[in-house]
Protein backbone atom coordinates (compact mmCIF):
# COMPACT_ATOMS: atom_id res chain seq x y z
CA MET A 1 -10.04 87.94 -84.83
CA ILE A 2 -7.27 86.92 -83.39
CA PRO A 3 -6.58 89.03 -80.30
CA VAL A 4 -3.15 91.08 -80.71
CA ILE A 5 -1.35 92.98 -77.35
CA THR A 6 1.20 95.77 -78.67
CA ILE A 7 3.92 96.83 -76.44
CA ASP A 8 5.50 99.63 -78.36
CA GLY A 9 7.70 102.88 -77.28
CA PRO A 10 11.43 103.77 -75.90
CA SER A 11 11.17 101.74 -72.59
CA GLY A 12 14.48 100.28 -72.60
CA SER A 13 15.58 96.84 -72.49
CA GLY A 14 13.26 95.44 -69.95
CA LYS A 15 10.62 96.06 -72.60
CA GLY A 16 11.27 92.56 -73.78
CA THR A 17 10.85 90.81 -70.89
CA VAL A 18 7.84 92.43 -69.99
CA GLY A 19 5.79 91.12 -73.35
CA GLU A 20 7.31 87.88 -72.87
CA LEU A 21 5.86 87.74 -69.31
CA LEU A 22 2.67 89.06 -70.49
CA ALA A 23 2.43 86.06 -73.32
CA LYS A 24 3.56 83.52 -70.62
CA LYS A 25 0.92 84.59 -68.64
CA LEU A 26 -1.67 84.88 -71.36
CA GLY A 27 -0.49 81.41 -73.13
CA TRP A 28 -0.27 83.05 -76.11
CA ARG A 29 2.90 83.37 -79.04
CA PHE A 30 5.35 86.49 -78.58
CA LEU A 31 6.98 88.30 -81.66
CA ASP A 32 10.17 90.55 -81.16
CA SER A 33 9.82 92.60 -83.95
CA GLY A 34 13.48 93.98 -83.15
CA ALA A 35 14.86 90.67 -82.92
CA LEU A 36 13.38 89.80 -86.68
CA TYR A 37 15.92 92.91 -87.88
CA ARG A 38 18.89 91.74 -85.80
CA ALA A 39 18.49 88.55 -86.82
CA LEU A 40 18.75 89.40 -90.36
CA ALA A 41 21.94 91.87 -89.69
CA LEU A 42 23.37 88.84 -88.12
CA THR A 43 22.56 86.56 -91.20
CA ALA A 44 23.91 89.36 -93.47
CA LEU A 45 26.93 89.74 -91.92
CA LYS A 46 28.16 86.14 -91.54
CA ARG A 47 27.36 85.82 -95.24
CA ASP A 48 29.47 89.32 -96.21
CA VAL A 49 26.34 90.74 -97.78
CA ASP A 50 26.51 94.36 -98.03
CA LEU A 51 24.05 95.94 -95.96
CA THR A 52 22.82 98.29 -98.95
CA ASP A 53 22.66 95.38 -100.87
CA VAL A 54 18.80 95.56 -101.03
CA SER A 55 18.28 92.65 -103.78
CA SER A 56 20.31 90.34 -101.39
CA LEU A 57 18.79 91.33 -97.93
CA LYS A 58 15.23 91.13 -99.42
CA GLU A 59 16.07 87.45 -100.39
CA LEU A 60 17.15 86.65 -96.72
CA ALA A 61 14.75 88.26 -95.04
CA ILE A 62 12.24 86.12 -97.36
CA ASN A 63 13.77 82.76 -95.99
CA LEU A 64 14.70 83.93 -92.48
CA ASP A 65 14.27 80.82 -90.45
CA ILE A 66 13.56 82.48 -86.75
CA GLU A 67 11.90 81.09 -83.42
CA PHE A 68 10.86 82.82 -80.60
CA ILE A 69 11.27 80.77 -77.23
CA LEU A 70 9.78 82.15 -74.08
CA ASP A 71 12.95 82.01 -71.97
CA CYS A 72 14.44 84.98 -74.02
CA ARG A 73 15.81 82.62 -76.44
CA ILE A 74 15.86 83.61 -80.13
CA ILE A 75 16.72 80.61 -82.45
CA LEU A 76 17.60 81.33 -85.51
CA LYS A 77 17.85 78.45 -88.38
CA GLY A 78 18.03 75.99 -85.21
CA GLN A 79 20.54 77.92 -83.12
CA ASP A 80 20.31 79.64 -80.52
CA VAL A 81 21.39 83.66 -81.23
CA SER A 82 20.12 85.40 -78.26
CA ARG A 83 23.26 86.54 -77.23
CA GLU A 84 25.43 87.21 -80.80
CA ILE A 85 22.12 89.58 -81.83
CA ARG A 86 22.59 91.66 -78.90
CA THR A 87 26.40 92.97 -79.68
CA GLU A 88 27.10 95.84 -80.61
CA GLU A 89 28.21 95.17 -83.99
CA CYS A 90 24.98 93.60 -84.95
CA SER A 91 22.80 96.46 -83.29
CA LEU A 92 24.56 98.77 -85.58
CA ALA A 93 23.77 96.62 -88.31
CA ALA A 94 20.26 96.12 -88.15
CA SER A 95 19.82 99.75 -87.51
CA LYS A 96 21.15 100.02 -91.19
CA VAL A 97 19.11 97.18 -92.28
CA ALA A 98 15.79 98.54 -90.47
CA VAL A 99 15.92 102.04 -92.85
CA LEU A 100 15.70 100.29 -95.99
CA PRO A 101 11.78 100.45 -96.74
CA GLU A 102 11.93 97.65 -99.35
CA ILE A 103 13.33 95.36 -96.03
CA ARG A 104 10.20 96.75 -93.92
CA LYS A 105 8.13 95.91 -96.26
CA VAL A 106 9.29 92.25 -96.57
CA LEU A 107 9.38 91.99 -92.68
CA LEU A 108 5.77 93.78 -92.08
CA LYS A 109 4.35 90.35 -93.78
CA ARG A 110 6.70 88.18 -91.70
CA GLN A 111 5.64 89.93 -88.29
CA ARG A 112 1.78 89.75 -89.05
CA ASP A 113 2.32 85.82 -90.02
CA PHE A 114 3.08 85.73 -86.48
CA ARG A 115 -0.56 86.28 -85.49
CA GLN A 116 -1.79 82.84 -84.74
CA LYS A 117 -4.37 81.29 -82.06
CA PRO A 118 -4.85 81.73 -79.16
CA GLY A 119 -3.51 85.25 -79.64
CA LEU A 120 -0.37 87.36 -79.69
CA VAL A 121 1.55 89.87 -77.81
CA ALA A 122 3.86 91.96 -80.31
CA ASP A 123 6.72 93.79 -79.16
CA GLY A 124 9.11 96.49 -80.83
CA ARG A 125 8.49 99.67 -82.38
CA ASP A 126 5.54 100.66 -84.94
CA MET A 127 3.61 97.73 -83.53
CA GLY A 128 0.62 99.61 -82.47
CA THR A 129 0.71 101.97 -85.48
CA VAL A 130 1.51 99.90 -88.70
CA VAL A 131 2.43 96.35 -87.72
CA PHE A 132 -1.04 96.15 -86.17
CA PRO A 133 -3.02 98.83 -85.80
CA ASP A 134 -6.63 96.78 -85.13
CA ALA A 135 -4.56 95.21 -81.90
CA GLN A 136 -7.19 95.05 -79.21
CA LEU A 137 -4.83 96.30 -76.94
CA LYS A 138 -2.12 98.50 -77.60
CA VAL A 139 0.55 99.69 -74.80
CA PHE A 140 3.20 102.56 -75.39
CA LEU A 141 6.02 102.32 -72.66
CA ILE A 142 8.38 105.19 -72.07
CA ALA A 143 10.76 106.01 -69.44
CA SER A 144 14.09 108.51 -68.88
CA GLN A 145 17.03 107.91 -71.22
CA LYS A 146 19.20 107.58 -68.08
CA GLU A 147 17.05 105.12 -66.96
CA ARG A 148 16.64 103.48 -70.24
CA ALA A 149 20.64 103.69 -70.86
CA GLU A 150 21.30 101.65 -67.48
CA ARG A 151 18.92 99.01 -68.13
CA ARG A 152 20.42 98.66 -71.33
CA TYR A 153 23.97 98.75 -69.72
CA ARG A 154 22.73 95.98 -67.07
CA GLN A 155 21.57 93.66 -69.39
CA LEU A 156 24.95 93.88 -71.93
CA GLN A 157 26.42 93.37 -68.79
CA GLU A 158 24.81 90.39 -67.47
CA GLN A 159 25.60 88.96 -71.44
CA GLU A 160 29.36 89.47 -70.40
CA ILE A 161 29.52 92.19 -73.12
CA ASN A 162 31.95 94.43 -72.26
CA VAL A 163 31.03 98.20 -73.05
CA SER A 164 30.61 101.74 -71.17
CA LEU A 165 27.81 103.10 -69.63
CA HIS A 166 28.82 106.45 -71.54
CA ASP A 167 28.78 104.50 -74.85
CA VAL A 168 25.35 103.16 -74.59
CA PHE A 169 23.64 106.34 -73.36
CA GLN A 170 25.18 108.33 -76.59
CA ASP A 171 24.08 105.23 -78.69
CA LEU A 172 20.40 105.37 -76.99
CA GLN A 173 20.88 109.16 -77.95
CA LYS A 174 21.80 108.71 -81.31
CA ARG A 175 18.85 106.07 -81.96
CA ASP A 176 16.41 108.28 -80.91
CA LYS A 177 17.46 111.24 -82.80
CA ARG A 178 17.33 108.68 -85.79
CA ASP A 179 13.82 107.20 -84.66
CA GLU A 180 12.36 110.21 -83.44
CA LEU A 181 9.30 110.25 -86.17
CA ARG A 182 8.43 106.71 -85.44
CA LEU A 183 8.43 107.08 -81.20
CA LYS A 184 4.88 108.12 -81.32
CA PRO A 185 2.13 106.24 -79.78
CA ALA A 186 -1.05 105.26 -81.64
CA SER A 187 -3.92 107.69 -81.05
CA ASP A 188 -5.58 104.88 -78.85
CA ALA A 189 -2.45 103.24 -76.91
CA LYS A 190 -2.59 103.23 -73.19
CA VAL A 191 0.88 105.27 -72.32
CA ILE A 192 2.70 103.70 -69.04
CA ASP A 193 5.84 105.95 -67.74
CA THR A 194 8.31 102.59 -66.18
CA THR A 195 11.47 104.93 -65.48
CA LYS A 196 9.93 104.19 -61.31
CA LEU A 197 8.51 101.08 -61.99
CA SER A 198 9.31 97.23 -61.83
CA ILE A 199 8.79 94.67 -64.18
CA ASP A 200 6.10 92.93 -62.52
CA LYS A 201 4.55 96.48 -61.53
CA VAL A 202 4.35 97.01 -65.62
CA LEU A 203 2.80 93.54 -66.11
CA ARG A 204 0.55 93.97 -63.72
CA LYS A 205 -0.66 97.78 -65.06
CA ILE A 206 -1.13 95.79 -68.47
CA LEU A 207 -3.48 93.25 -67.46
CA LYS A 208 -5.32 95.45 -65.29
CA LEU A 209 -5.73 97.14 -68.36
CA LEU A 210 -6.87 93.67 -70.49
């Protein structure tokens, strides 16, 4: 069986980087599941598809042409959309799309298709509980809301996206409230509190577990 490591939990914007660093270290494939929903939302916005039009959204999801490059780049239909999918407009749209059961079902298959040799590091919510329940190692990263908001804010600043820390914190609180039933580790997951840890230290902890 092709091995999978899942990186899950509400850790903030540093989580994806941990997953990418781990994938690079191991020479494995990488999946950022959240980016799938963002890419779908971006595609819908560009094509003026109503975010409640499940039939049209399903068609877009089935034909979503996306690739993850291990230097924090997301390629959609041959174009780098790494910055576009991180905007607040796209984030809001992705949140609306992600709650639709029919869309989650379609993207579940797409996520599992990333399981290819020599192995996969899968980053995102529900990775260890729903998408890859048979993963060889499940890691659930947590951090305080304050720390997570500051991480997200710094990420947006680096991308030259103008937003206030207050707005980022409020958006994070709303998202946590909406996802509180899904923000639970698998029974066999290893929980790591990243609040006071650097990315390198988190990576070393995961490699030690592996």
